[in-house]
Amino acid sequence: MIVKITGASGYLGKIITAELKSKGHEVSPIQREQLYGPAEILAGELKNTDVLINLAGAPVLQRWTAKNKKKIYHSRIQTAENLVRAFQILFPKERPAKVISASAIGIYAVRKTHTEESYNFDQGFLGEVVKDWEKSWNGLPEEVELTLFRLAVVLGKKSATIKNLLLPFKLGIGGKIGNGKQSFPFVHETDVARAFLWATKNKNTAGVFNLAAPEQITNAGFTRALAKKLNRPAFIPVPPFALKLIYGKAASLLTKSPAVLPHKIMEAGFEFRYPTIEEAMEEIFG
């Protein structure tokens, strides 16, 4: 298939592109300036392709200043809306038949457990961003199939989570965040790439899917698994106030989380290669 991808130069973009190319798909990027440019030019980029994969969006884990909040919001909503306008310009036979877009588990209320049927959404900034991000696709022509993956924390050799934690844990000063009882939904990078491949090659994958490993763990459970794999102690908790000094209100991303179950994608036949934190850690550090 001929696939266009936004955010291709990012961490997940590179992994997903490599996975698709390894299976014989023709993949090419849509550049950032095209995403924000005239919809007519963007339509030309999409013309006669089979699938659009959308990964565009500024990092969420940064201080939520007015400027950064605007960047986080518009890098998702504005680009999605412009892509929808491009679809509307194209004749039906010229349009990609499918859109597969990243979304986030940040849409869900924290301290609750959610399947895809849950509408108990977060009422804060992050919930607003994700809800509007998903709504941005409502203007797609009805014959275009839309798949939305609500992503959990992605773990992998080059993931931000692992890279940021590696040094303190190797120095023996790593530890759980706060009391560690908050849920820690995760997904291995390989399963992310495989899920996007699955949605690319299969029909009838429309709808919302939680892309999180089936094992339910806490932050303390993740900390123990990481420390064990590195053969380092992990008994120095990270106080929430310290994270707030660094990230401001965005620290809530680290101190609070929903629990997420991937019911729908598993019922559809997708099998996680790394369904547990032990298996994920073994691949990363094995």
C-alpha atoms as a PDB file:
ATOM      1  CA  MET A   1       0.000   0.000   0.000  1.00  0.00           C
ATOM      2  CA  ILE A   2       0.973   3.640  -0.460  1.00  0.00           C
ATOM      3  CA  VAL A   3       1.105   5.310   2.960  1.00  0.00           C
ATOM      4  CA  LYS A   4       1.609   8.945   3.920  1.00  0.00           C
ATOM      5  CA  ILE A   5       2.695   9.723   7.470  1.00  0.00           C
ATOM      6  CA  THR A   6       2.835  12.900   9.542  1.00  0.00           C
ATOM      7  CA  GLY A   7       5.356  13.135  12.357  1.00  0.00           C
ATOM      8  CA  ALA A   8       7.564  10.708  10.460  1.00  0.00           C
ATOM      9  CA  SER A   9      10.799  12.128  11.887  1.00  0.00           C
ATOM     10  CA  GLY A  10       9.716  11.584  15.497  1.00  0.00           C
ATOM     11  CA  TYR A  11      10.419   8.601  17.735  1.00  0.00           C
ATOM     12  CA  LEU A  12       7.234   6.684  16.883  1.00  0.00           C
ATOM     13  CA  GLY A  13       7.234   7.879  13.294  1.00  0.00           C
ATOM     14  CA  LYS A  14      10.594   6.259  12.627  1.00  0.00           C
ATOM     15  CA  ILE A  15       9.564   2.966  14.254  1.00  0.00           C
ATOM     16  CA  ILE A  16       6.222   2.757  12.438  1.00  0.00           C
ATOM     17  CA  THR A  17       7.788   3.727   9.107  1.00  0.00           C
ATOM     18  CA  ALA A  18      10.436   1.008   9.466  1.00  0.00           C
ATOM     19  CA  GLU A  19       7.793  -1.605  10.335  1.00  0.00           C
ATOM     20  CA  LEU A  20       5.611  -0.724   7.351  1.00  0.00           C
ATOM     21  CA  LYS A  21       8.544  -0.652   4.928  1.00  0.00           C
ATOM     22  CA  SER A  22       9.750  -4.030   6.200  1.00  0.00           C
ATOM     23  CA  LYS A  23       6.399  -5.471   5.147  1.00  0.00           C
ATOM     24  CA  GLY A  24       6.615  -3.996   1.640  1.00  0.00           C
ATOM     25  CA  HIS A  25       4.518  -0.849   2.041  1.00  0.00           C
ATOM     26  CA  GLU A  26       5.555   2.369   0.309  1.00  0.00           C
ATOM     27  CA  VAL A  27       5.849   5.056   3.005  1.00  0.00           C
ATOM     28  CA  SER A  28       6.658   8.750   2.628  1.00  0.00           C
ATOM     29  CA  PRO A  29       6.420  11.701   5.032  1.00  0.00           C
ATOM     30  CA  ILE A  30       4.225  14.778   5.002  1.00  0.00           C
ATOM     31  CA  GLN A  31       6.416  17.679   6.042  1.00  0.00           C
ATOM     32  CA  ARG A  32       5.502  20.029   8.893  1.00  0.00           C
ATOM     33  CA  GLU A  33       5.239  23.084   6.629  1.00  0.00           C
ATOM     34  CA  GLN A  34       2.776  21.209   4.421  1.00  0.00           C
ATOM     35  CA  LEU A  35       0.604  20.380   7.429  1.00  0.00           C
ATOM     36  CA  TYR A  36       0.225  24.069   8.241  1.00  0.00           C
ATOM     37  CA  GLY A  37       0.103  25.236   4.621  1.00  0.00           C
ATOM     38  CA  PRO A  38      -2.785  25.593   2.176  1.00  0.00           C
ATOM     39  CA  ALA A  39      -5.172  22.647   2.176  1.00  0.00           C
ATOM     40  CA  GLU A  40      -4.925  22.487  -1.622  1.00  0.00           C
ATOM     41  CA  ILE A  41      -1.205  21.688  -1.444  1.00  0.00           C
ATOM     42  CA  LEU A  42      -1.830  19.165   1.323  1.00  0.00           C
ATOM     43  CA  ALA A  43      -4.514  17.546  -0.854  1.00  0.00           C
ATOM     44  CA  GLY A  44      -1.908  17.115  -3.576  1.00  0.00           C
ATOM     45  CA  GLU A  45       0.298  15.237  -1.108  1.00  0.00           C
ATOM     46  CA  LEU A  46      -2.557  12.898  -0.181  1.00  0.00           C
ATOM     47  CA  LYS A  47      -3.827  12.324  -3.698  1.00  0.00           C
ATOM     48  CA  ASN A  48      -3.885   8.677  -4.833  1.00  0.00           C
ATOM     49  CA  THR A  49      -2.482   7.265  -1.597  1.00  0.00           C
ATOM     50  CA  ASP A  50      -4.133   4.419   0.305  1.00  0.00           C
ATOM     51  CA  VAL A  51      -3.602   5.275   3.981  1.00  0.00           C
ATOM     52  CA  LEU A  52      -2.799   8.359   6.041  1.00  0.00           C
ATOM     53  CA  ILE A  53      -1.066   7.836   9.407  1.00  0.00           C
ATOM     54  CA  ASN A  54      -1.158  10.879  11.672  1.00  0.00           C
ATOM     55  CA  LEU A  55       1.357  11.276  14.508  1.00  0.00           C
ATOM     56  CA  ALA A  56       1.662  15.070  14.508  1.00  0.00           C
ATOM     57  CA  GLY A  57       1.736  16.773  17.898  1.00  0.00           C
ATOM     58  CA  ALA A  58       4.096  18.660  20.214  1.00  0.00           C
ATOM     59  CA  PRO A  59       5.311  16.863  23.375  1.00  0.00           C
ATOM     60  CA  VAL A  60       2.821  17.092  26.240  1.00  0.00           C
ATOM     61  CA  LEU A  61       5.337  16.658  29.077  1.00  0.00           C
ATOM     62  CA  GLN A  62       6.548  20.258  29.304  1.00  0.00           C
ATOM     63  CA  ARG A  63       5.489  23.155  31.512  1.00  0.00           C
ATOM     64  CA  TRP A  64       1.949  24.145  30.620  1.00  0.00           C
ATOM     65  CA  THR A  65       2.612  27.840  30.110  1.00  0.00           C
ATOM     66  CA  ALA A  66       0.100  29.732  27.984  1.00  0.00           C
ATOM     67  CA  LYS A  67       2.528  29.545  25.049  1.00  0.00           C
ATOM     68  CA  ASN A  68       3.206  25.808  25.441  1.00  0.00           C
ATOM     69  CA  LYS A  69      -0.484  24.964  25.925  1.00  0.00           C
ATOM     70  CA  LYS A  70      -1.271  26.752  22.673  1.00  0.00           C
ATOM     71  CA  LYS A  71       1.494  24.807  20.915  1.00  0.00           C
ATOM     72  CA  ILE A  72       0.343  21.457  22.351  1.00  0.00           C
ATOM     73  CA  TYR A  73      -3.256  22.152  21.359  1.00  0.00           C
ATOM     74  CA  HIS A  74      -2.799  23.604  17.876  1.00  0.00           C
ATOM     75  CA  SER A  75      -0.104  21.110  16.813  1.00  0.00           C
ATOM     76  CA  ARG A  76      -2.846  18.470  17.071  1.00  0.00           C
ATOM     77  CA  ILE A  77      -6.153  20.157  16.320  1.00  0.00           C
ATOM     78  CA  GLN A  78      -5.063  22.616  13.641  1.00  0.00           C
ATOM     79  CA  THR A  79      -3.143  19.979  11.688  1.00  0.00           C
ATOM     80  CA  ALA A  80      -5.964  17.426  11.890  1.00  0.00           C
ATOM     81  CA  GLU A  81      -8.506  20.004  10.725  1.00  0.00           C
ATOM     82  CA  ASN A  82      -6.266  20.955   7.808  1.00  0.00           C
ATOM     83  CA  LEU A  83      -5.927  17.293   6.821  1.00  0.00           C
ATOM     84  CA  VAL A  84      -9.726  16.957   6.898  1.00  0.00           C
ATOM     85  CA  ARG A  85     -10.035  19.980   4.579  1.00  0.00           C
ATOM     86  CA  ALA A  86      -7.559  18.335   2.213  1.00  0.00           C
ATOM     87  CA  PHE A  87      -9.695  15.176   2.150  1.00  0.00           C
ATOM     88  CA  GLN A  88     -12.765  17.255   1.341  1.00  0.00           C
ATOM     89  CA  ILE A  89     -11.017  18.844  -1.629  1.00  0.00           C
ATOM     90  CA  LEU A  90     -10.136  15.507  -3.241  1.00  0.00           C
ATOM     91  CA  PHE A  91     -12.533  13.503  -5.357  1.00  0.00           C
ATOM     92  CA  PRO A  92     -13.639  10.223  -3.684  1.00  0.00           C
ATOM     93  CA  LYS A  93     -11.400   8.055  -5.884  1.00  0.00           C
ATOM     94  CA  GLU A  94      -8.367  10.222  -5.104  1.00  0.00           C
ATOM     95  CA  ARG A  95      -8.672  10.095  -1.308  1.00  0.00           C
ATOM     96  CA  PRO A  96      -6.906   7.686   1.036  1.00  0.00           C
ATOM     97  CA  ALA A  97      -9.447   5.081   2.109  1.00  0.00           C
ATOM     98  CA  LYS A  98      -8.228   5.078   5.687  1.00  0.00           C
ATOM     99  CA  VAL A  99      -6.881   7.416   8.374  1.00  0.00           C
ATOM    100  CA  ILE A 100      -5.013   5.971  11.363  1.00  0.00           C
ATOM    101  CA  SER A 101      -4.316   8.611  13.980  1.00  0.00           C
ATOM    102  CA  ALA A 102      -2.606   8.663  17.321  1.00  0.00           C
ATOM    103  CA  SER A 103      -4.675   9.763  20.296  1.00  0.00           C
ATOM    104  CA  ALA A 104      -3.945   9.392  24.018  1.00  0.00           C
ATOM    105  CA  ILE A 105      -5.204   7.769  27.197  1.00  0.00           C
ATOM    106  CA  GLY A 106      -5.038  11.272  28.678  1.00  0.00           C
ATOM    107  CA  ILE A 107      -8.653  11.598  27.571  1.00  0.00           C
ATOM    108  CA  TYR A 108      -9.705   9.424  30.537  1.00  0.00           C
ATOM    109  CA  ALA A 109     -10.341  10.529  34.112  1.00  0.00           C
ATOM    110  CA  VAL A 110      -7.529   9.540  36.470  1.00  0.00           C
ATOM    111  CA  ARG A 111      -7.865   6.964  39.255  1.00  0.00           C
ATOM    112  CA  LYS A 112     -10.525   5.112  37.242  1.00  0.00           C
ATOM    113  CA  THR A 113     -10.403   2.003  35.039  1.00  0.00           C
ATOM    114  CA  HIS A 114     -11.423   2.438  31.411  1.00  0.00           C
ATOM    115  CA  THR A 115     -12.272   0.338  28.382  1.00  0.00           C
ATOM    116  CA  GLU A 116     -13.084   1.943  25.054  1.00  0.00           C
ATOM    117  CA  GLU A 117     -16.718   2.140  26.177  1.00  0.00           C
ATOM    118  CA  SER A 118     -15.835   4.609  28.934  1.00  0.00           C
ATOM    119  CA  TYR A 119     -16.979   8.217  28.648  1.00  0.00           C
ATOM    120  CA  ASN A 120     -15.681   9.228  32.066  1.00  0.00           C
ATOM    121  CA  PHE A 121     -13.285  11.779  30.616  1.00  0.00           C
ATOM    122  CA  ASP A 122     -10.676  14.043  32.151  1.00  0.00           C
ATOM    123  CA  GLN A 123     -12.012  17.559  32.700  1.00  0.00           C
ATOM    124  CA  GLY A 124      -8.633  19.306  32.686  1.00  0.00           C
ATOM    125  CA  PHE A 125      -6.367  20.668  29.973  1.00  0.00           C
ATOM    126  CA  LEU A 126      -5.151  17.296  28.703  1.00  0.00           C
ATOM    127  CA  GLY A 127      -8.653  15.867  28.484  1.00  0.00           C
ATOM    128  CA  GLU A 128      -9.736  18.934  26.513  1.00  0.00           C
ATOM    129  CA  VAL A 129      -6.843  18.544  24.075  1.00  0.00           C
ATOM    130  CA  VAL A 130      -7.491  14.851  23.385  1.00  0.00           C
ATOM    131  CA  LYS A 131     -11.271  15.243  23.098  1.00  0.00           C
ATOM    132  CA  ASP A 132     -10.910  18.094  20.594  1.00  0.00           C
ATOM    133  CA  TRP A 133      -8.166  16.173  18.756  1.00  0.00           C
ATOM    134  CA  GLU A 134     -10.488  13.233  18.195  1.00  0.00           C
ATOM    135  CA  LYS A 135     -13.410  15.525  17.270  1.00  0.00           C
ATOM    136  CA  SER A 136     -11.215  17.200  14.642  1.00  0.00           C
ATOM    137  CA  TRP A 137     -11.704  14.163  12.429  1.00  0.00           C
ATOM    138  CA  ASN A 138     -15.513  14.422  12.417  1.00  0.00           C
ATOM    139  CA  GLY A 139     -15.468  16.239   9.078  1.00  0.00           C
ATOM    140  CA  LEU A 140     -13.841  13.350   7.205  1.00  0.00           C
ATOM    141  CA  PRO A 141     -15.934  12.095   4.280  1.00  0.00           C
ATOM    142  CA  GLU A 142     -18.080   9.257   5.621  1.00  0.00           C
ATOM    143  CA  GLU A 143     -16.568   6.626   3.335  1.00  0.00           C
ATOM    144  CA  VAL A 144     -13.095   7.188   4.848  1.00  0.00           C
ATOM    145  CA  GLU A 145     -12.361   4.697   7.638  1.00  0.00           C
ATOM    146  CA  LEU A 146     -10.958   6.289  10.808  1.00  0.00           C
ATOM    147  CA  THR A 147      -8.913   4.379  13.393  1.00  0.00           C
ATOM    148  CA  LEU A 148      -7.914   6.143  16.608  1.00  0.00           C
ATOM    149  CA  PHE A 149      -5.274   4.628  18.896  1.00  0.00           C
ATOM    150  CA  ARG A 150      -5.354   5.973  22.454  1.00  0.00           C
ATOM    151  CA  LEU A 151      -1.713   5.437  23.355  1.00  0.00           C
ATOM    152  CA  ALA A 152      -0.386   4.567  26.800  1.00  0.00           C
ATOM    153  CA  VAL A 153       3.192   5.339  27.918  1.00  0.00           C
ATOM    154  CA  VAL A 154       5.436   3.893  25.206  1.00  0.00           C
ATOM    155  CA  LEU A 155       8.440   1.887  26.385  1.00  0.00           C
ATOM    156  CA  GLY A 156      11.425   1.010  24.227  1.00  0.00           C
ATOM    157  CA  LYS A 157      15.200   1.326  23.979  1.00  0.00           C
ATOM    158  CA  LYS A 158      14.932   4.890  22.674  1.00  0.00           C
ATOM    159  CA  SER A 159      11.711   5.959  24.356  1.00  0.00           C
ATOM    160  CA  ALA A 160      11.793   9.177  26.382  1.00  0.00           C
ATOM    161  CA  THR A 161      10.599   7.364  29.510  1.00  0.00           C
ATOM    162  CA  ILE A 162      13.440   4.844  29.482  1.00  0.00           C
ATOM    163  CA  LYS A 163      16.121   7.344  28.440  1.00  0.00           C
ATOM    164  CA  ASN A 164      15.136   9.816  31.167  1.00  0.00           C
ATOM    165  CA  LEU A 165      15.123   7.172  33.904  1.00  0.00           C
ATOM    166  CA  LEU A 166      18.225   5.240  32.927  1.00  0.00           C
ATOM    167  CA  LEU A 167      20.853   7.476  34.530  1.00  0.00           C
ATOM    168  CA  PRO A 168      19.212   7.986  37.959  1.00  0.00           C
ATOM    169  CA  PHE A 169      18.440   4.274  38.229  1.00  0.00           C
ATOM    170  CA  LYS A 170      21.987   3.290  37.233  1.00  0.00           C
ATOM    171  CA  LEU A 171      23.267   5.664  39.903  1.00  0.00           C
ATOM    172  CA  GLY A 172      21.036   3.967  42.467  1.00  0.00           C
ATOM    173  CA  ILE A 173      18.851   7.033  43.041  1.00  0.00           C
ATOM    174  CA  GLY A 174      15.787   5.929  41.096  1.00  0.00           C
ATOM    175  CA  GLY A 175      12.480   5.230  42.747  1.00  0.00           C
ATOM    176  CA  LYS A 176       8.725   5.297  42.551  1.00  0.00           C
ATOM    177  CA  ILE A 177       6.867   8.572  42.115  1.00  0.00           C
ATOM    178  CA  GLY A 178       5.041   9.576  45.280  1.00  0.00           C
ATOM    179  CA  ASN A 179       3.453   6.535  46.909  1.00  0.00           C
ATOM    180  CA  GLY A 180       3.692   4.606  43.635  1.00  0.00           C
ATOM    181  CA  LYS A 181       0.092   3.424  43.814  1.00  0.00           C
ATOM    182  CA  GLN A 182      -1.009   5.255  40.659  1.00  0.00           C
ATOM    183  CA  SER A 183      -1.702   3.114  37.603  1.00  0.00           C
ATOM    184  CA  PHE A 184       1.014   2.837  34.986  1.00  0.00           C
ATOM    185  CA  PRO A 185      -0.496   1.865  31.625  1.00  0.00           C
ATOM    186  CA  PHE A 186       2.282   1.080  29.150  1.00  0.00           C
ATOM    187  CA  VAL A 187       2.848  -0.369  25.701  1.00  0.00           C
ATOM    188  CA  HIS A 188       6.050  -1.595  24.074  1.00  0.00           C
ATOM    189  CA  GLU A 189       7.190   0.302  20.985  1.00  0.00           C
ATOM    190  CA  THR A 190       7.105  -2.887  18.908  1.00  0.00           C
ATOM    191  CA  ASP A 191       3.427  -3.388  19.707  1.00  0.00           C
ATOM    192  CA  VAL A 192       2.715   0.208  18.708  1.00  0.00           C
ATOM    193  CA  ALA A 193       4.330  -0.348  15.314  1.00  0.00           C
ATOM    194  CA  ARG A 194       2.567  -3.703  14.913  1.00  0.00           C
ATOM    195  CA  ALA A 195      -0.799  -2.138  15.784  1.00  0.00           C
ATOM    196  CA  PHE A 196      -0.403   0.562  13.131  1.00  0.00           C
ATOM    197  CA  LEU A 197       0.595  -2.149  10.625  1.00  0.00           C
ATOM    198  CA  TRP A 198      -2.437  -4.205  11.682  1.00  0.00           C
ATOM    199  CA  ALA A 199      -4.764  -1.264  11.076  1.00  0.00           C
ATOM    200  CA  THR A 200      -3.072  -0.482   7.757  1.00  0.00           C
ATOM    201  CA  LYS A 201      -3.498  -3.917   6.220  1.00  0.00           C
ATOM    202  CA  ASN A 202      -6.858  -4.961   7.710  1.00  0.00           C
ATOM    203  CA  LYS A 203     -10.317  -3.729   6.810  1.00  0.00           C
ATOM    204  CA  ASN A 204     -13.030  -2.893   9.331  1.00  0.00           C
ATOM    205  CA  THR A 205     -10.705  -1.433  11.953  1.00  0.00           C
ATOM    206  CA  ALA A 206     -12.739   1.761  12.335  1.00  0.00           C
ATOM    207  CA  GLY A 207     -13.213   3.196  15.805  1.00  0.00           C
ATOM    208  CA  VAL A 208     -11.304   3.887  18.993  1.00  0.00           C
ATOM    209  CA  PHE A 209      -8.784   1.396  20.416  1.00  0.00           C
ATOM    210  CA  ASN A 210      -6.881   1.583  23.693  1.00  0.00           C
ATOM    211  CA  LEU A 211      -3.289   0.806  22.795  1.00  0.00           C
ATOM    212  CA  ALA A 212      -2.001  -0.341  26.184  1.00  0.00           C
ATOM    213  CA  ALA A 213      -0.584  -3.689  27.258  1.00  0.00           C
ATOM    214  CA  PRO A 214      -3.144  -5.925  28.987  1.00  0.00           C
ATOM    215  CA  GLU A 215      -1.165  -6.253  32.242  1.00  0.00           C
ATOM    216  CA  GLN A 216      -2.299  -3.784  34.897  1.00  0.00           C
ATOM    217  CA  ILE A 217       0.604  -2.401  36.929  1.00  0.00           C
ATOM    218  CA  THR A 218       1.291   0.548  39.218  1.00  0.00           C
ATOM    219  CA  ASN A 219       4.128   3.033  39.088  1.00  0.00           C
ATOM    220  CA  ALA A 220       5.741   1.089  41.947  1.00  0.00           C
ATOM    221  CA  GLY A 221       5.450  -2.132  39.905  1.00  0.00           C
ATOM    222  CA  PHE A 222       7.131  -0.468  36.934  1.00  0.00           C
ATOM    223  CA  THR A 223       9.869   0.871  39.210  1.00  0.00           C
ATOM    224  CA  ARG A 224      10.547  -2.587  40.664  1.00  0.00           C
ATOM    225  CA  ALA A 225      10.726  -4.162  37.195  1.00  0.00           C
ATOM    226  CA  LEU A 226      13.152  -1.514  35.939  1.00  0.00           C
ATOM    227  CA  ALA A 227      15.362  -1.672  39.031  1.00  0.00           C
ATOM    228  CA  LYS A 228      15.448  -5.472  38.877  1.00  0.00           C
ATOM    229  CA  LYS A 229      16.506  -5.452  35.234  1.00  0.00           C
ATOM    230  CA  LEU A 230      19.250  -2.923  35.945  1.00  0.00           C
ATOM    231  CA  ASN A 231      20.228  -4.724  39.162  1.00  0.00           C
ATOM    232  CA  ARG A 232      20.007  -1.462  41.074  1.00  0.00           C
ATOM    233  CA  PRO A 233      18.160  -0.382  44.227  1.00  0.00           C
ATOM    234  CA  ALA A 234      15.017   1.718  43.877  1.00  0.00           C
ATOM    235  CA  PHE A 235      14.106   2.913  47.328  1.00  0.00           C
ATOM    236  CA  ILE A 236      14.363   6.694  46.945  1.00  0.00           C
ATOM    237  CA  PRO A 237      10.851   7.971  46.110  1.00  0.00           C
ATOM    238  CA  VAL A 238      10.530  11.005  43.862  1.00  0.00           C
ATOM    239  CA  PRO A 239       8.443  13.559  45.782  1.00  0.00           C
ATOM    240  CA  PRO A 240       5.553  15.019  43.755  1.00  0.00           C
ATOM    241  CA  PHE A 241       6.509  18.581  44.749  1.00  0.00           C
ATOM    242  CA  ALA A 242       9.895  18.135  43.042  1.00  0.00           C
ATOM    243  CA  LEU A 243       8.205  17.207  39.781  1.00  0.00           C
ATOM    244  CA  LYS A 244       5.868  20.166  40.135  1.00  0.00           C
ATOM    245  CA  LEU A 245       8.873  22.471  40.435  1.00  0.00           C
ATOM    246  CA  ILE A 246      10.142  21.128  37.095  1.00  0.00           C
ATOM    247  CA  TYR A 247       6.927  20.645  35.106  1.00  0.00           C
ATOM    248  CA  GLY A 248       4.313  22.742  36.899  1.00  0.00           C
ATOM    249  CA  LYS A 249       0.788  21.430  36.337  1.00  0.00           C
ATOM    250  CA  ALA A 250       2.124  19.000  33.709  1.00  0.00           C
ATOM    251  CA  ALA A 251       3.604  17.004  36.615  1.00  0.00           C
ATOM    252  CA  SER A 252       0.139  15.458  36.965  1.00  0.00           C
ATOM    253  CA  LEU A 253       1.048  13.309  33.954  1.00  0.00           C
ATOM    254  CA  LEU A 254       3.564  11.537  36.196  1.00  0.00           C
ATOM    255  CA  THR A 255       1.741  11.574  39.519  1.00  0.00           C
ATOM    256  CA  LYS A 256      -1.759  10.565  38.373  1.00  0.00           C
ATOM    257  CA  SER A 257      -3.038   8.212  35.696  1.00  0.00           C
ATOM    258  CA  PRO A 258      -6.079   6.260  34.565  1.00  0.00           C
ATOM    259  CA  ALA A 259      -6.027   2.471  34.361  1.00  0.00           C
ATOM    260  CA  VAL A 260      -6.670   1.350  30.790  1.00  0.00           C
ATOM    261  CA  LEU A 261      -7.787  -1.982  29.326  1.00  0.00           C
ATOM    262  CA  PRO A 262      -7.256  -2.878  25.627  1.00  0.00           C
ATOM    263  CA  HIS A 263     -10.466  -4.879  25.248  1.00  0.00           C
ATOM    264  CA  LYS A 264     -11.459  -3.802  21.764  1.00  0.00           C
ATOM    265  CA  ILE A 265      -8.180  -4.407  19.945  1.00  0.00           C
ATOM    266  CA  MET A 266      -7.764  -7.837  21.553  1.00  0.00           C
ATOM    267  CA  GLU A 267     -11.336  -8.786  20.666  1.00  0.00           C
ATOM    268  CA  ALA A 268     -10.517  -7.768  17.084  1.00  0.00           C
ATOM    269  CA  GLY A 269      -7.711 -10.343  17.012  1.00  0.00           C
ATOM    270  CA  PHE A 270      -4.601  -8.281  17.741  1.00  0.00           C
ATOM    271  CA  GLU A 271      -2.071 -10.105  19.933  1.00  0.00           C
ATOM    272  CA  PHE A 272       0.448  -8.172  22.002  1.00  0.00           C
ATOM    273  CA  ARG A 273       4.002  -9.419  21.652  1.00  0.00           C
ATOM    274  CA  TYR A 274       4.923  -7.844  25.005  1.00  0.00           C
ATOM    275  CA  PRO A 275       1.793  -8.097  27.170  1.00  0.00           C
ATOM    276  CA  THR A 276       3.617  -7.831  30.529  1.00  0.00           C
ATOM    277  CA  ILE A 277       6.135  -5.423  31.998  1.00  0.00           C
ATOM    278  CA  GLU A 278       8.625  -8.272  32.533  1.00  0.00           C
ATOM    279  CA  GLU A 279       8.529  -9.186  28.843  1.00  0.00           C
ATOM    280  CA  ALA A 280       8.833  -5.545  27.813  1.00  0.00           C
ATOM    281  CA  MET A 281      11.834  -5.017  30.087  1.00  0.00           C
ATOM    282  CA  GLU A 282      13.475  -8.211  28.873  1.00  0.00           C
ATOM    283  CA  GLU A 283      13.351  -6.953  25.276  1.00  0.00           C
ATOM    284  CA  ILE A 284      14.611  -3.492  26.195  1.00  0.00           C
ATOM    285  CA  PHE A 285      17.493  -4.568  28.438  1.00  0.00           C
ATOM    286  CA  GLY A 286      17.749  -8.307  27.706  1.00  0.00           C
END
